[in-house]
Amino acid sequence: MSQLDGKIAVVTGAGRGIGRAIALKFAAEGADVVCVSRTEANSQKVADEVRALGRKAWAFAVDVADAEAVGAAAKQILADATRVDILVNNAGVTRDGLLMRMSEEDWDTVLNTNLKGAFNFVKAFARSFIKQKSGRIINVASVIGLIGNAGQANYAASKAGLIGFTKSVAREVASRGITANIVAPGFIDTDMTAALNDDQKAEILKAVPLGVLGKPEDVACAALYLASDAARYITGQVLTVDGGMVM
């Protein structure tokens, strides 16, 4: 028996990288998946990959920072899928720059997507989770939210805020059988790290005891654990997937 047989999961930022890996991992373990991305093309592409694994899939193009759009999408998702068991808030952006040069727009864009986006989706599905007295909320943060990073004040603030938000949500919904946890990836081999040159990668790996970049599948496996029945007694926790970087 697969770990997520019969479950329905919503994954934001599912169009590529970590989000795509989570969507496909969940599908491989028996879940039907709602693939949410900013663009229809990306969400549909991953939905097609989920279907190729023999599971149902739905594709939605949503700007997670738009509360009205998220609310409308959530209503449609519940109508189409009948319920949601797992919510993974993975959508995120970066707008890096030193604080002295950072524009208000770059600050707002990152906070609105990375932090407000998770708030929008949790709020949109909270009533449904509470009514069914079950649910798994998994928010994808970052080790940068734990340790900070020069040139990423906006990103660090959004991810640290996401950790505090998740812990508060965990306390609010625990009595209804709902868990809320955080996966905090370190340096993962995605489109963003692919843009780094060899010298930059070598410098990063000096801070990683295991000496290699992680894979999106490493994060997906952590999310799968937190979504499964094996993690029924775990809530409000931060699971770092970072090769030992911040131990």
Protein backbone atom coordinates (compact mmCIF):
# COMPACT_ATOMS: atom_id res chain seq x y z
CA MET A 1 0.00 0.00 0.00
CA SER A 2 1.31 3.45 -0.94
CA GLN A 3 1.73 6.10 1.74
CA LEU A 4 -0.83 8.55 0.36
CA ASP A 5 -3.46 6.24 -1.14
CA GLY A 6 -6.74 8.08 -1.61
CA LYS A 7 -5.38 11.46 -0.49
CA ILE A 8 -5.82 14.72 -2.39
CA ALA A 9 -2.98 17.23 -2.26
CA VAL A 10 -2.65 20.85 -3.34
CA VAL A 11 0.90 21.92 -4.24
CA THR A 12 1.71 25.54 -5.02
CA GLY A 13 4.73 26.44 -7.10
CA ALA A 14 4.26 23.03 -8.70
CA GLY A 15 5.44 24.06 -12.16
CA ARG A 16 9.12 23.25 -11.68
CA GLY A 17 11.90 22.42 -9.26
CA ILE A 18 10.94 21.45 -5.72
CA GLY A 19 7.21 21.90 -6.28
CA ARG A 20 7.22 19.61 -9.29
CA ALA A 21 9.23 16.99 -7.39
CA ILE A 22 6.74 17.09 -4.52
CA ALA A 23 3.75 16.78 -6.85
CA LEU A 24 5.27 13.76 -8.62
CA LYS A 25 6.43 12.11 -5.38
CA PHE A 26 2.94 12.44 -3.89
CA ALA A 27 1.39 11.02 -7.06
CA ALA A 28 3.81 8.09 -7.02
CA GLU A 29 2.64 7.39 -3.49
CA GLY A 30 -1.03 7.30 -4.45
CA ALA A 31 -2.24 10.89 -4.12
CA ASP A 32 -4.29 12.88 -6.61
CA VAL A 33 -2.68 16.28 -7.05
CA VAL A 34 -3.85 19.83 -7.67
CA CYS A 35 -0.94 21.55 -9.43
CA VAL A 36 -0.84 25.31 -8.81
CA SER A 37 1.57 27.56 -10.69
CA ARG A 38 1.64 31.16 -11.83
CA THR A 39 1.30 30.06 -15.46
CA GLU A 40 -1.21 27.71 -17.05
CA ALA A 41 1.47 26.06 -19.18
CA ASN A 42 3.62 25.05 -16.21
CA SER A 43 0.76 23.82 -14.05
CA GLN A 44 -0.74 21.86 -16.94
CA LYS A 45 2.60 20.26 -17.82
CA VAL A 46 3.06 18.86 -14.32
CA ALA A 47 -0.60 17.84 -14.11
CA ASP A 48 -0.04 15.79 -17.27
CA GLU A 49 2.97 14.13 -15.62
CA VAL A 50 0.84 13.27 -12.59
CA ARG A 51 -1.80 11.71 -14.83
CA ALA A 52 0.92 9.69 -16.54
CA LEU A 53 1.55 8.11 -13.13
CA GLY A 54 -2.06 6.97 -13.04
CA ARG A 55 -3.43 9.61 -10.70
CA LYS A 56 -6.00 12.36 -11.10
CA ALA A 57 -4.67 15.88 -11.51
CA TRP A 58 -6.00 19.40 -11.81
CA ALA A 59 -4.11 22.45 -13.09
CA PHE A 60 -4.63 25.99 -11.80
CA ALA A 61 -2.83 29.19 -12.77
CA VAL A 62 -2.91 31.43 -9.69
CA ASP A 63 -0.89 34.32 -8.32
CA VAL A 64 -0.63 33.17 -4.70
CA ALA A 65 -0.25 36.77 -3.51
CA ASP A 66 -3.73 37.62 -4.82
CA ALA A 67 -6.12 36.74 -1.98
CA GLU A 68 -9.22 37.05 -4.14
CA ALA A 69 -7.78 34.77 -6.83
CA VAL A 70 -6.69 32.22 -4.22
CA GLY A 71 -10.14 32.21 -2.63
CA ALA A 72 -11.81 31.63 -5.99
CA ALA A 73 -9.35 28.85 -6.86
CA ALA A 74 -9.87 27.16 -3.50
CA LYS A 75 -13.64 27.07 -4.02
CA GLN A 76 -13.18 25.55 -7.47
CA ILE A 77 -10.64 23.02 -6.16
CA LEU A 78 -13.03 21.86 -3.44
CA ALA A 79 -15.83 21.62 -6.00
CA ASP A 80 -13.71 19.63 -8.48
CA ALA A 81 -11.79 17.41 -6.05
CA THR A 82 -14.52 17.23 -3.33
CA ARG A 83 -11.97 17.70 -0.54
CA VAL A 84 -8.29 18.46 0.20
CA ASP A 85 -6.18 16.40 2.61
CA ILE A 86 -2.74 17.95 2.14
CA LEU A 87 -1.66 21.52 1.40
CA VAL A 88 1.92 22.25 0.40
CA ASN A 89 2.83 25.93 0.17
CA ASN A 90 5.96 25.90 -1.95
CA ALA A 91 5.53 28.93 -4.24
CA GLY A 92 8.34 31.40 -3.78
CA VAL A 93 10.44 34.05 -5.47
CA THR A 94 13.72 35.87 -4.87
CA ARG A 95 14.64 39.47 -5.56
CA ASP A 96 18.14 39.61 -4.13
CA GLY A 97 20.07 42.78 -3.37
CA LEU A 98 21.85 44.55 -0.56
CA LEU A 99 19.53 46.28 1.88
CA MET A 100 20.79 49.77 1.02
CA ARG A 101 19.85 49.23 -2.62
CA MET A 102 16.71 47.13 -2.18
CA SER A 103 13.58 48.72 -3.59
CA GLU A 104 10.27 48.69 -1.78
CA GLU A 105 8.86 46.80 -4.76
CA ASP A 106 11.42 44.00 -4.39
CA TRP A 107 10.69 43.79 -0.66
CA ASP A 108 6.92 43.65 -1.20
CA THR A 109 7.09 41.16 -4.07
CA VAL A 110 9.03 38.63 -2.00
CA LEU A 111 6.99 39.04 1.19
CA ASN A 112 3.69 38.96 -0.70
CA THR A 113 4.54 35.78 -2.59
CA ASN A 114 6.52 33.80 -0.03
CA LEU A 115 4.64 34.72 3.15
CA LYS A 116 1.29 36.22 2.26
CA GLY A 117 0.83 33.55 -0.40
CA ALA A 118 1.02 30.82 2.25
CA PHE A 119 -1.37 32.78 4.49
CA ASN A 120 -3.83 33.08 1.60
CA PHE A 121 -3.86 29.35 0.88
CA VAL A 122 -3.96 28.21 4.51
CA LYS A 123 -6.83 30.57 5.21
CA ALA A 124 -8.67 29.43 2.07
CA PHE A 125 -8.61 25.76 3.12
CA ALA A 126 -8.67 26.11 6.92
CA ARG A 127 -12.45 25.83 7.24
CA SER A 128 -12.46 22.68 5.11
CA PHE A 129 -9.68 21.07 7.20
CA ILE A 130 -11.45 21.97 10.44
CA LYS A 131 -14.77 20.59 9.20
CA GLN A 132 -13.22 17.24 8.25
CA LYS A 133 -11.09 17.23 11.44
CA SER A 134 -7.97 16.28 9.54
CA GLY A 135 -5.34 17.79 7.31
CA ARG A 136 -1.64 18.24 6.67
CA ILE A 137 -0.18 21.69 6.10
CA ILE A 138 3.42 21.72 4.88
CA ASN A 139 5.11 25.05 4.25
CA VAL A 140 8.41 25.15 2.36
CA ALA A 141 10.70 27.70 3.98
CA SER A 142 14.51 27.81 3.72
CA VAL A 143 17.57 27.57 5.92
CA ILE A 144 18.01 31.26 5.06
CA GLY A 145 15.00 31.88 7.30
CA LEU A 146 17.01 30.34 10.16
CA ILE A 147 20.43 31.91 9.61
CA GLY A 148 19.91 34.93 7.34
CA ASN A 149 22.04 35.79 4.34
CA ALA A 150 23.67 38.98 3.10
CA GLY A 151 21.79 40.31 0.08
CA GLN A 152 18.62 38.42 0.95
CA ALA A 153 16.99 40.46 3.71
CA ASN A 154 13.60 40.23 2.01
CA TYR A 155 13.88 36.49 1.36
CA ALA A 156 15.15 35.74 4.87
CA ALA A 157 12.36 37.80 6.40
CA SER A 158 9.72 36.01 4.34
CA LYS A 159 11.02 32.55 5.25
CA ALA A 160 11.55 33.37 8.94
CA GLY A 161 8.03 34.78 8.95
CA LEU A 162 6.76 31.58 7.34
CA ILE A 163 8.30 29.55 10.16
CA GLY A 164 6.61 31.68 12.83
CA PHE A 165 3.34 31.64 10.90
CA THR A 166 3.39 27.84 10.65
CA LYS A 167 4.06 27.37 14.37
CA SER A 168 1.13 29.65 15.18
CA VAL A 169 -1.15 27.80 12.77
CA ALA A 170 -0.03 24.49 14.30
CA ARG A 171 -1.18 25.66 17.72
CA GLU A 172 -4.49 26.95 16.40
CA VAL A 173 -5.55 23.80 14.56
CA ALA A 174 -3.97 20.98 16.56
CA SER A 175 -7.14 20.23 18.52
CA ARG A 176 -8.89 19.45 15.21
CA GLY A 177 -6.45 16.76 14.17
CA ILE A 178 -4.56 19.02 11.75
CA THR A 179 -0.77 19.27 11.65
CA ALA A 180 1.34 22.13 10.29
CA ASN A 181 5.06 21.75 9.69
CA ILE A 182 7.93 23.35 7.81
CA VAL A 183 10.48 21.90 5.41
CA ALA A 184 13.54 24.14 5.21
CA PRO A 185 15.77 23.26 2.23
CA GLY A 186 19.40 24.25 2.02
CA PHE A 187 21.16 24.57 -1.32
CA ILE A 188 19.19 22.44 -3.77
CA ASP A 189 20.11 21.73 -7.39
CA THR A 190 17.38 23.73 -9.17
CA ASP A 191 17.13 26.39 -11.88
CA MET A 192 18.33 29.01 -9.38
CA THR A 193 21.52 27.17 -8.43
CA ALA A 194 22.12 26.21 -12.07
CA ALA A 195 22.78 29.89 -12.72
CA LEU A 196 25.78 29.84 -10.36
CA ASN A 197 29.27 29.41 -11.76
CA ASP A 198 31.65 26.68 -10.57
CA ASP A 199 33.50 29.00 -8.17
CA GLN A 200 30.24 30.08 -6.53
CA LYS A 201 29.11 26.47 -6.15
CA ALA A 202 32.46 25.49 -4.66
CA GLU A 203 32.19 28.29 -2.11
CA ILE A 204 28.66 27.19 -1.15
CA LEU A 205 29.70 23.56 -0.74
CA LYS A 206 32.35 24.55 1.82
CA ALA A 207 29.44 25.25 4.19
CA VAL A 208 27.74 21.90 3.53
CA PRO A 209 29.23 19.02 5.55
CA LEU A 210 27.92 16.38 3.10
CA GLY A 211 29.75 18.29 0.35
CA VAL A 212 27.07 18.11 -2.35
CA LEU A 213 23.99 20.06 -3.41
CA GLY A 214 20.66 18.51 -2.53
CA LYS A 215 18.16 17.33 -5.13
CA PRO A 216 14.51 18.43 -5.37
CA GLU A 217 13.63 14.79 -4.61
CA ASP A 218 15.35 15.10 -1.22
CA VAL A 219 12.92 17.85 -0.26
CA ALA A 220 10.02 15.89 -1.76
CA CYS A 221 10.83 12.90 0.45
CA ALA A 222 10.76 15.12 3.54
CA ALA A 223 7.41 16.56 2.49
CA LEU A 224 6.10 13.05 1.86
CA TYR A 225 7.03 12.00 5.38
CA LEU A 226 5.26 14.99 6.93
CA ALA A 227 2.19 14.33 4.76
CA SER A 228 2.02 10.65 5.70
CA ASP A 229 0.44 8.86 8.64
CA ALA A 230 3.94 8.22 9.95
CA ALA A 231 4.12 11.89 10.99
CA ARG A 232 0.71 12.01 12.70
CA TYR A 233 2.27 13.09 16.03
CA ILE A 234 4.54 15.78 14.61
CA THR A 235 3.43 19.41 14.34
CA GLY A 236 4.98 22.86 14.51
CA GLN A 237 8.41 21.52 13.56
CA VAL A 238 11.12 22.64 11.15
CA LEU A 239 12.72 19.80 9.17
CA THR A 240 15.90 21.06 7.54
CA VAL A 241 17.03 19.32 4.34
CA ASP A 242 20.44 20.89 3.99
CA GLY A 243 23.27 18.34 4.10
CA GLY A 244 24.08 19.44 7.65
CA MET A 245 24.58 23.10 6.79
CA VAL A 246 22.87 24.60 9.86
CA MET A 247 23.23 21.84 12.43
